[in-house]
Amino acid sequence: MIELRHVMLSEPIIIKKEILTNVVFETSNHFYVFLKDINDAYAGNTENIDFIQNEKEYNFRTKAIFISDIISYEINSRKVKNELLKSISELADDDFQKEIENINKQLLELINNKITLWGDIYFRDEIPIIDYLKLFEFEVNDVDKSLIEKIMIWIKSFIDLYQIDFYVFVNLFDFLNKEEIEILNSFCQQEKISILVVTRHNYSELTAFIHQYIVDKDTYLIHRSV
């Protein structure tokens, strides 16, 4: 469980694992201020907002994923691709490594027989497996997927690569139908993660399987739980 404390709110927002949490702001200004402070926290500035877990400060910057624009979000950043490559190379079994060593020997023979004919040339005679794998430009595959499929692929990738279990989205429910939100909720339970959605809209029809907080224009926090 994570407590989100903000200077604007009258009480903390409780974000539990295995369930979707929705925070609704009735005014656009409060919505903007709250998201700006979440964005600042993601950059390391927690002046107006705190995340607490087990009575200790939770490092939102390194332990969570914040996706403010679901449309333009790109999972395959350089950091993710490098971590994916590292993970693949570490999981390579003995047979795979032997095959790579054989390929390396064949390439060395080719270089010695052909390229060195042009004079004295120095080159590496041992190439790590990870350098071979770089040639294939591995990426997380979310192409031609529905949005709900993409979201689950993104989350599963972050779980596998970084063990991230807390995700924050902006206006996510606007892009999903009820059935897809139920799928996401089941996925949340299956993976034992926390998902927080920040929005301007009240999704009262979803309160059968989400926790919903409504922040009124006077900043009074109302908790509507399952």
Protein backbone atom coordinates (compact mmCIF):
# COMPACT_ATOMS: atom_id res chain seq x y z
CA MET A 1 0.00 0.00 0.00
CA ILE A 2 1.18 3.50 -0.89
CA GLU A 3 -0.06 6.76 0.64
CA LEU A 4 -0.06 9.76 -1.68
CA ARG A 5 0.00 12.99 0.31
CA HIS A 6 -0.46 16.35 -1.38
CA VAL A 7 -0.53 19.81 0.18
CA MET A 8 -3.78 20.57 -1.63
CA LEU A 9 -5.68 17.55 -0.33
CA SER A 10 -7.44 17.17 3.00
CA GLU A 11 -6.36 13.56 3.46
CA PRO A 12 -4.04 11.01 1.81
CA ILE A 13 -4.98 8.94 -1.20
CA ILE A 14 -4.56 5.26 -0.38
CA ILE A 15 -3.29 3.23 -3.32
CA LYS A 16 -3.58 -0.49 -2.77
CA LYS A 17 -2.14 -3.35 -4.77
CA GLU A 18 -4.30 -5.55 -6.97
CA ILE A 19 -6.94 -2.87 -7.58
CA LEU A 20 -7.41 0.18 -9.79
CA THR A 21 -7.52 3.54 -8.01
CA ASN A 22 -9.19 6.52 -9.68
CA VAL A 23 -8.77 10.13 -8.50
CA VAL A 24 -11.31 12.58 -9.90
CA PHE A 25 -10.78 16.36 -9.83
CA GLU A 26 -13.88 18.50 -10.23
CA THR A 27 -11.94 21.61 -11.23
CA SER A 28 -9.43 21.94 -14.04
CA ASN A 29 -7.05 24.02 -11.93
CA HIS A 30 -6.77 21.37 -9.19
CA PHE A 31 -6.34 18.74 -11.90
CA TYR A 32 -3.48 20.72 -13.44
CA VAL A 33 -1.74 21.47 -10.13
CA PHE A 34 -1.92 17.85 -8.98
CA LEU A 35 -0.53 16.49 -12.26
CA LYS A 36 2.19 19.11 -12.37
CA ASP A 37 3.33 18.07 -8.89
CA ILE A 38 3.26 14.38 -9.84
CA ASN A 39 5.36 15.21 -12.89
CA ASP A 40 7.77 17.18 -10.68
CA ALA A 41 8.00 14.24 -8.27
CA TYR A 42 8.83 11.97 -11.20
CA ALA A 43 11.73 14.33 -11.91
CA GLY A 44 12.82 14.22 -8.26
CA ASN A 45 11.09 17.31 -6.81
CA THR A 46 8.72 16.31 -4.00
CA GLU A 47 8.13 19.76 -2.51
CA ASN A 48 4.32 19.53 -2.67
CA ILE A 49 3.74 15.81 -2.83
CA ASP A 50 4.93 12.74 -0.93
CA PHE A 51 4.62 9.02 -1.50
CA ILE A 52 4.80 6.94 1.68
CA GLN A 53 5.11 3.17 2.00
CA ASN A 54 5.49 1.37 5.35
CA GLU A 55 5.92 4.78 7.03
CA LYS A 56 8.96 5.51 4.87
CA GLU A 57 9.39 7.77 1.86
CA TYR A 58 8.71 5.91 -1.38
CA ASN A 59 11.04 6.90 -4.23
CA PHE A 60 8.46 7.68 -6.92
CA ARG A 61 11.18 8.67 -9.38
CA THR A 62 12.86 5.27 -9.48
CA LYS A 63 10.16 2.85 -8.35
CA ALA A 64 7.17 3.93 -10.44
CA ILE A 65 6.16 4.62 -14.03
CA PHE A 66 4.23 7.81 -14.86
CA ILE A 67 2.52 7.95 -18.26
CA SER A 68 0.88 11.32 -18.85
CA ASP A 69 0.16 10.93 -22.58
CA ILE A 70 -1.11 7.48 -23.48
CA ILE A 71 -1.27 8.30 -27.21
CA SER A 72 2.33 9.33 -27.79
CA TYR A 73 3.98 7.10 -25.18
CA GLU A 74 6.95 5.14 -26.53
CA ILE A 75 8.05 2.08 -24.56
CA ASN A 76 11.25 1.52 -26.54
CA SER A 77 13.48 4.17 -25.03
CA ARG A 78 17.24 3.68 -25.17
CA LYS A 79 17.21 2.73 -21.49
CA VAL A 80 14.55 0.04 -21.99
CA LYS A 81 16.25 -1.39 -25.08
CA ASN A 82 19.60 -1.57 -23.28
CA GLU A 83 18.02 -3.29 -20.29
CA LEU A 84 16.18 -5.70 -22.59
CA LEU A 85 19.43 -6.55 -24.36
CA LYS A 86 21.21 -7.07 -21.05
CA SER A 87 18.43 -9.34 -19.80
CA ILE A 88 18.46 -11.45 -22.98
CA SER A 89 22.24 -11.88 -22.86
CA GLU A 90 22.14 -12.89 -19.18
CA LEU A 91 19.50 -15.54 -19.90
CA ALA A 92 21.51 -17.11 -22.74
CA ASP A 93 22.11 -20.80 -21.99
CA ASP A 94 25.33 -22.78 -22.56
CA ASP A 95 24.24 -24.10 -25.96
CA PHE A 96 23.51 -20.59 -27.16
CA GLN A 97 26.89 -19.35 -25.96
CA LYS A 98 28.67 -22.22 -27.72
CA GLU A 99 26.88 -21.39 -30.97
CA ILE A 100 27.99 -17.77 -30.67
CA GLU A 101 31.57 -18.88 -30.01
CA ASN A 102 31.48 -20.99 -33.18
CA ILE A 103 30.18 -18.02 -35.16
CA ASN A 104 32.96 -15.89 -33.69
CA LYS A 105 35.60 -18.40 -34.82
CA GLN A 106 34.18 -18.46 -38.35
CA LEU A 107 34.22 -14.67 -38.52
CA LEU A 108 37.81 -14.54 -37.29
CA GLU A 109 38.87 -17.00 -39.98
CA LEU A 110 37.12 -14.89 -42.61
CA ILE A 111 38.80 -11.72 -41.36
CA ASN A 112 42.23 -13.35 -41.22
CA ASN A 113 41.85 -14.75 -44.73
CA LYS A 114 40.34 -11.69 -46.41
CA ILE A 115 40.52 -8.38 -44.62
CA THR A 116 44.11 -8.62 -43.37
CA LEU A 117 45.34 -8.92 -46.95
CA TRP A 118 45.35 -5.09 -46.99
CA GLY A 119 48.06 -4.80 -44.37
CA ASP A 120 48.55 -4.94 -40.64
CA ILE A 121 45.17 -4.43 -38.98
CA TYR A 122 44.30 -4.79 -35.31
CA PHE A 123 40.88 -6.10 -34.34
CA ARG A 124 39.14 -7.70 -31.38
CA ASP A 125 39.41 -11.47 -31.46
CA GLU A 126 36.79 -11.98 -28.76
CA ILE A 127 33.36 -10.39 -29.04
CA PRO A 128 30.94 -10.60 -26.08
CA ILE A 129 27.54 -12.15 -26.72
CA ILE A 130 25.82 -8.86 -25.94
CA ASP A 131 27.65 -7.17 -28.84
CA TYR A 132 26.32 -9.79 -31.25
CA LEU A 133 22.81 -9.34 -29.91
CA LYS A 134 23.03 -5.57 -30.46
CA LEU A 135 23.04 -6.23 -34.20
CA PHE A 136 19.44 -7.44 -33.98
CA GLU A 137 18.10 -4.27 -32.29
CA PHE A 138 15.71 -6.00 -29.88
CA GLU A 139 12.61 -4.01 -28.90
CA VAL A 140 9.42 -4.55 -26.96
CA ASN A 141 6.80 -5.45 -29.55
CA ASP A 142 3.62 -3.40 -29.11
CA VAL A 143 2.99 -2.76 -32.82
CA ASP A 144 -0.51 -3.38 -34.21
CA LYS A 145 -1.93 -4.02 -30.76
CA SER A 146 -5.07 -2.61 -29.17
CA LEU A 147 -4.53 -0.02 -26.45
CA ILE A 148 -5.37 -2.41 -23.62
CA GLU A 149 -2.93 -4.95 -25.08
CA LYS A 150 -0.24 -2.27 -25.34
CA ILE A 151 -0.72 -1.19 -21.74
CA MET A 152 -0.39 -4.75 -20.48
CA ILE A 153 2.72 -5.30 -22.64
CA TRP A 154 4.27 -2.09 -21.27
CA ILE A 155 3.54 -3.03 -17.67
CA LYS A 156 4.75 -6.62 -18.08
CA SER A 157 7.97 -5.33 -19.64
CA PHE A 158 8.62 -2.95 -16.74
CA ILE A 159 7.87 -5.73 -14.25
CA ASP A 160 10.28 -8.13 -15.96
CA LEU A 161 13.05 -5.59 -16.52
CA TYR A 162 12.81 -3.37 -13.43
CA GLN A 163 10.37 -5.04 -11.00
CA ILE A 164 8.15 -1.92 -11.13
CA ASP A 165 4.83 -2.43 -9.33
CA PHE A 166 3.31 1.09 -9.30
CA TYR A 167 1.90 2.83 -12.39
CA VAL A 168 0.24 6.23 -12.80
CA PHE A 169 -1.84 7.17 -15.86
CA VAL A 170 -3.68 10.34 -16.87
CA ASN A 171 -7.23 10.04 -18.26
CA LEU A 172 -6.67 6.37 -19.03
CA PHE A 173 -10.31 5.35 -18.61
CA ASP A 174 -11.33 7.78 -21.37
CA PHE A 175 -9.66 5.44 -23.86
CA LEU A 176 -10.99 2.11 -22.58
CA ASN A 177 -14.45 0.60 -22.50
CA LYS A 178 -15.86 -1.10 -19.42
CA GLU A 179 -14.83 -4.58 -20.54
CA GLU A 180 -11.25 -3.42 -21.13
CA ILE A 181 -11.13 -1.76 -17.71
CA GLU A 182 -12.28 -5.03 -16.16
CA ILE A 183 -9.47 -6.80 -18.06
CA LEU A 184 -6.98 -4.26 -16.72
CA ASN A 185 -8.30 -4.77 -13.20
CA SER A 186 -7.86 -8.55 -13.51
CA PHE A 187 -4.35 -7.99 -14.87
CA CYS A 188 -3.63 -5.73 -11.91
CA GLN A 189 -4.67 -8.52 -9.54
CA GLN A 190 -2.74 -11.16 -11.45
CA GLU A 191 0.52 -9.17 -11.45
CA LYS A 192 -0.01 -7.83 -7.90
CA ILE A 193 0.60 -4.21 -8.90
CA SER A 194 -0.88 -0.79 -8.09
CA ILE A 195 -2.44 1.40 -10.79
CA LEU A 196 -3.49 5.00 -10.17
CA VAL A 197 -5.55 6.91 -12.73
CA VAL A 198 -5.95 10.71 -12.49
CA THR A 199 -8.91 12.19 -14.35
CA ARG A 200 -11.58 14.90 -14.52
CA HIS A 201 -14.44 12.42 -14.92
CA ASN A 202 -16.47 10.51 -12.35
CA TYR A 203 -16.73 6.84 -13.29
CA SER A 204 -19.45 5.87 -10.82
CA GLU A 205 -20.42 2.89 -13.00
CA LEU A 206 -17.00 1.36 -12.33
CA THR A 207 -17.02 1.51 -8.53
CA ALA A 208 -17.89 -2.19 -8.39
CA PHE A 209 -14.23 -2.96 -9.03
CA ILE A 210 -12.23 0.27 -8.54
CA HIS A 211 -11.44 2.57 -5.62
CA GLN A 212 -12.51 6.09 -6.47
CA TYR A 213 -11.60 9.37 -4.78
CA ILE A 214 -13.41 12.56 -5.73
CA VAL A 215 -11.76 15.91 -4.95
CA ASP A 216 -14.40 18.64 -4.93
CA LYS A 217 -13.88 22.31 -5.64
CA ASP A 218 -13.20 22.98 -1.95
CA THR A 219 -10.45 20.29 -1.94
CA TYR A 220 -12.42 18.04 0.36
CA LEU A 221 -11.49 14.45 -0.35
CA ILE A 222 -14.34 11.94 -0.57
CA HIS A 223 -13.47 8.27 -0.62
CA ARG A 224 -15.81 5.95 -2.42
CA SER A 225 -14.53 2.43 -2.02
CA VAL A 226 -15.62 -0.92 -3.37
